C-alpha atoms as a PDB file:
ATOM      1  CA  MET A   1     -28.340  29.109  -6.986  1.00  0.00           C
ATOM      2  CA  GLN A   2     -29.743  25.717  -6.524  1.00  0.00           C
ATOM      3  CA  ARG A   3     -27.846  22.954  -4.757  1.00  0.00           C
ATOM      4  CA  LYS A   4     -27.652  19.546  -6.219  1.00  0.00           C
ATOM      5  CA  SER A   5     -29.509  17.094  -4.294  1.00  0.00           C
ATOM      6  CA  ARG A   6     -27.502  14.194  -2.753  1.00  0.00           C
ATOM      7  CA  LYS A   7     -28.530  10.632  -2.744  1.00  0.00           C
ATOM      8  CA  THR A   8     -29.356   9.249   0.609  1.00  0.00           C
ATOM      9  CA  MET A   9     -27.021   6.747   2.213  1.00  0.00           C
ATOM     10  CA  ASN A  10     -29.645   3.941   1.851  1.00  0.00           C
ATOM     11  CA  SER A  11     -29.736   4.256  -1.972  1.00  0.00           C
ATOM     12  CA  GLN A  12     -27.393   2.064  -4.029  1.00  0.00           C
ATOM     13  CA  PRO A  13     -25.718   3.750  -7.081  1.00  0.00           C
ATOM     14  CA  THR A  14     -26.207   2.152 -10.445  1.00  0.00           C
ATOM     15  CA  ILE A  15     -22.641   1.203 -11.617  1.00  0.00           C
ATOM     16  CA  ASP A  16     -21.982   1.742 -15.252  1.00  0.00           C
ATOM     17  CA  PHE A  17     -20.296  -1.324 -16.582  1.00  0.00           C
ATOM     18  CA  GLU A  18     -20.950  -0.322 -20.328  1.00  0.00           C
ATOM     19  CA  LYS A  19     -18.080   2.293 -20.641  1.00  0.00           C
ATOM     20  CA  MET A  20     -15.364  -0.421 -20.416  1.00  0.00           C
ATOM     21  CA  ASP A  21     -17.008  -3.377 -22.183  1.00  0.00           C
ATOM     22  CA  GLY A  22     -18.720  -4.772 -18.997  1.00  0.00           C
ATOM     23  CA  LEU A  23     -15.983  -3.842 -16.541  1.00  0.00           C
ATOM     24  CA  VAL A  24     -15.201  -1.147 -14.032  1.00  0.00           C
ATOM     25  CA  ALA A  25     -11.958  -0.458 -12.240  1.00  0.00           C
ATOM     26  CA  GLY A  26     -11.781  -1.390  -8.591  1.00  0.00           C
ATOM     27  CA  ILE A  27      -9.171   0.510  -6.507  1.00  0.00           C
ATOM     28  CA  VAL A  28      -8.310  -1.028  -3.258  1.00  0.00           C
ATOM     29  CA  GLN A  29      -6.999   1.252  -0.412  1.00  0.00           C
ATOM     30  CA  ASP A  30      -5.860   0.242   3.085  1.00  0.00           C
ATOM     31  CA  ALA A  31      -8.489   1.735   5.424  1.00  0.00           C
ATOM     32  CA  GLN A  32      -5.947   2.491   8.147  1.00  0.00           C
ATOM     33  CA  THR A  33      -2.902   3.876   6.273  1.00  0.00           C
ATOM     34  CA  GLY A  34      -4.586   5.200   3.075  1.00  0.00           C
ATOM     35  CA  GLU A  35      -2.097   3.506   0.889  1.00  0.00           C
ATOM     36  CA  VAL A  36      -3.314   2.333  -2.419  1.00  0.00           C
ATOM     37  CA  LEU A  37      -2.763  -1.440  -2.530  1.00  0.00           C
ATOM     38  CA  MET A  38      -3.939  -2.567  -6.004  1.00  0.00           C
ATOM     39  CA  LEU A  39      -6.186  -2.075  -8.857  1.00  0.00           C
ATOM     40  CA  GLY A  40      -8.481  -4.766 -10.280  1.00  0.00           C
ATOM     41  CA  PHE A  41     -11.534  -4.967 -12.520  1.00  0.00           C
ATOM     42  CA  LEU A  42     -15.113  -5.980 -11.710  1.00  0.00           C
ATOM     43  CA  ASN A  43     -18.035  -7.102 -13.887  1.00  0.00           C
ATOM     44  CA  PRO A  44     -21.635  -7.192 -12.668  1.00  0.00           C
ATOM     45  CA  GLU A  45     -21.180 -10.728 -11.307  1.00  0.00           C
ATOM     46  CA  SER A  46     -18.129 -10.037  -9.269  1.00  0.00           C
ATOM     47  CA  TYR A  47     -19.673  -6.745  -8.002  1.00  0.00           C
ATOM     48  CA  ALA A  48     -22.634  -8.737  -6.795  1.00  0.00           C
ATOM     49  CA  ARG A  49     -20.467 -11.323  -5.074  1.00  0.00           C
ATOM     50  CA  THR A  50     -18.456  -8.486  -3.560  1.00  0.00           C
ATOM     51  CA  LEU A  51     -21.603  -6.988  -1.971  1.00  0.00           C
ATOM     52  CA  GLU A  52     -22.870 -10.275  -0.843  1.00  0.00           C
ATOM     53  CA  THR A  53     -19.664 -11.342   0.925  1.00  0.00           C
ATOM     54  CA  GLY A  54     -18.018  -8.178   2.161  1.00  0.00           C
ATOM     55  CA  PHE A  55     -14.763  -9.297   0.452  1.00  0.00           C
ATOM     56  CA  VAL A  56     -13.532  -7.767  -2.777  1.00  0.00           C
ATOM     57  CA  THR A  57     -14.066 -10.154  -5.654  1.00  0.00           C
ATOM     58  CA  PHE A  58     -12.652  -9.317  -9.063  1.00  0.00           C
ATOM     59  CA  TRP A  59     -13.133 -10.419 -12.646  1.00  0.00           C
ATOM     60  CA  SER A  60      -9.915 -11.942 -13.851  1.00  0.00           C
ATOM     61  CA  ARG A  61      -9.393 -10.791 -17.471  1.00  0.00           C
ATOM     62  CA  SER A  62      -6.630 -13.221 -18.143  1.00  0.00           C
ATOM     63  CA  ARG A  63      -8.404 -16.255 -16.751  1.00  0.00           C
ATOM     64  CA  GLN A  64     -11.929 -15.136 -17.567  1.00  0.00           C
ATOM     65  CA  LYS A  65     -13.445 -16.054 -14.190  1.00  0.00           C
ATOM     66  CA  LEU A  66     -14.227 -14.697 -10.748  1.00  0.00           C
ATOM     67  CA  TRP A  67     -11.349 -14.206  -8.517  1.00  0.00           C
ATOM     68  CA  MET A  68     -11.554 -13.401  -4.822  1.00  0.00           C
ATOM     69  CA  LYS A  69      -8.371 -11.691  -3.930  1.00  0.00           C
ATOM     70  CA  GLY A  70      -6.717 -13.766  -1.191  1.00  0.00           C
ATOM     71  CA  GLU A  71      -8.539 -16.933  -1.676  1.00  0.00           C
ATOM     72  CA  THR A  72      -5.387 -18.909  -1.942  1.00  0.00           C
ATOM     73  CA  SER A  73      -3.008 -16.680  -0.047  1.00  0.00           C
ATOM     74  CA  GLY A  74      -5.236 -15.832   2.839  1.00  0.00           C
ATOM     75  CA  ASN A  75      -4.797 -12.150   2.246  1.00  0.00           C
ATOM     76  CA  ARG A  76      -8.528 -11.335   1.595  1.00  0.00           C
ATOM     77  CA  LEU A  77      -9.737  -7.771   1.326  1.00  0.00           C
ATOM     78  CA  ARG A  78     -12.408  -7.264   3.837  1.00  0.00           C
ATOM     79  CA  ILE A  79     -14.436  -4.143   2.981  1.00  0.00           C
ATOM     80  CA  VAL A  80     -14.670  -1.206   5.540  1.00  0.00           C
ATOM     81  CA  SER A  81     -16.470   0.989   3.061  1.00  0.00           C
ATOM     82  CA  ALA A  82     -16.935   1.501  -0.646  1.00  0.00           C
ATOM     83  CA  ALA A  83     -17.772   4.294  -2.990  1.00  0.00           C
ATOM     84  CA  THR A  84     -18.169   4.962  -6.615  1.00  0.00           C
ATOM     85  CA  ASP A  85     -16.704   7.969  -8.493  1.00  0.00           C
ATOM     86  CA  CYS A  86     -18.983  10.800  -9.923  1.00  0.00           C
ATOM     87  CA  ASP A  87     -19.478   8.880 -13.289  1.00  0.00           C
ATOM     88  CA  ASN A  88     -20.356   5.540 -11.395  1.00  0.00           C
ATOM     89  CA  ASP A  89     -17.709   3.741 -13.522  1.00  0.00           C
ATOM     90  CA  SER A  90     -14.971   3.173 -10.925  1.00  0.00           C
ATOM     91  CA  LEU A  91     -15.106   1.863  -7.418  1.00  0.00           C
ATOM     92  CA  LEU A  92     -13.026   2.565  -4.321  1.00  0.00           C
ATOM     93  CA  PHE A  93     -12.755  -0.006  -1.674  1.00  0.00           C
ATOM     94  CA  ARG A  94     -11.309   0.912   1.654  1.00  0.00           C
ATOM     95  CA  VAL A  95     -10.249  -2.415   3.276  1.00  0.00           C
ATOM     96  CA  MET A  96      -8.586  -4.309   6.091  1.00  0.00           C
ATOM     97  CA  VAL A  97      -6.359  -6.908   4.675  1.00  0.00           C
ATOM     98  CA  ASP A  98      -6.598 -10.419   6.375  1.00  0.00           C
ATOM     99  CA  GLY A  99      -3.593 -12.649   6.595  1.00  0.00           C
ATOM    100  CA  ASP A 100      -0.007 -11.313   6.569  1.00  0.00           C
ATOM    101  CA  GLY A 101      -1.104  -8.137   4.672  1.00  0.00           C
ATOM    102  CA  LEU A 102       0.980  -8.859   1.513  1.00  0.00           C
ATOM    103  CA  VAL A 103      -1.470  -7.957  -1.189  1.00  0.00           C
ATOM    104  CA  CYS A 104       0.677  -8.199  -4.224  1.00  0.00           C
ATOM    105  CA  HIS A 105       1.487 -11.506  -5.819  1.00  0.00           C
ATOM    106  CA  GLU A 106       5.162 -10.431  -5.753  1.00  0.00           C
ATOM    107  CA  GLY A 107       5.151 -10.467  -1.963  1.00  0.00           C
ATOM    108  CA  THR A 108       4.632  -6.755  -1.159  1.00  0.00           C
ATOM    109  CA  VAL A 109       2.048  -4.845   0.691  1.00  0.00           C
ATOM    110  CA  SER A 110       1.132  -2.856  -2.324  1.00  0.00           C
ATOM    111  CA  CYS A 111       1.257  -3.649  -6.025  1.00  0.00           C
ATOM    112  CA  PHE A 112       2.440  -0.050  -6.788  1.00  0.00           C
ATOM    113  CA  THR A 113       6.193  -0.362  -6.047  1.00  0.00           C
ATOM    114  CA  LYS A 114       7.882   0.430  -9.298  1.00  0.00           C
ATOM    115  CA  PRO A 115       8.827   4.078  -9.584  1.00  0.00           C
ATOM    116  CA  VAL A 116       8.353   5.901 -12.875  1.00  0.00           C
ATOM    117  CA  ALA A 117      11.026   8.451 -13.772  1.00  0.00           C
ATOM    118  CA  PHE A 118       9.856  11.919 -15.124  1.00  0.00           C
ATOM    119  CA  SER A 119      12.074  13.970 -17.410  1.00  0.00           C
ATOM    120  CA  LYS A 120      10.510  17.140 -15.921  1.00  0.00           C
ATOM    121  CA  VAL A 121       9.660  17.740 -12.382  1.00  0.00           C
ATOM    122  CA  VAL A 122       7.135  20.332 -11.727  1.00  0.00           C
ATOM    123  CA  GLU A 123       7.811  22.612  -8.758  1.00  0.00           C
ATOM    124  CA  VAL A 124       4.996  23.022  -6.361  1.00  0.00           C
ATOM    125  CA  ALA A 125       4.828  26.345  -4.387  1.00  0.00           C
ATOM    126  CA  ARG A 126       4.648  25.758  -0.615  1.00  0.00           C
ATOM    127  CA  GLY A 127       3.693  28.373   1.637  1.00  0.00           C
END
């Protein structure tokens, strides 16, 4: 059985912007706590700016322009590490948050604060 070769740490993956009409999802995670903070979208230009600056820069779909998270609030997302998924069409940014740490525009640390109810709960065996 042959093992798949791994890319060296120095090689830059080619991000596939074509699957979602020029965008990829960018998941932002707190590097210390592991909490998922937000999800945004990047196009090639915002991805290049992110790599250049070390701060996550998104493409605003509603405003149709580049958007560095925290440029007005001060809660910028300083990248600690970044990785792509196996299909190269999603990015994960592990970050330290500058400012007061309130990433969401609603004034919370994470944008993921609204519980979703499920009609059926799947039991997980523990043991």
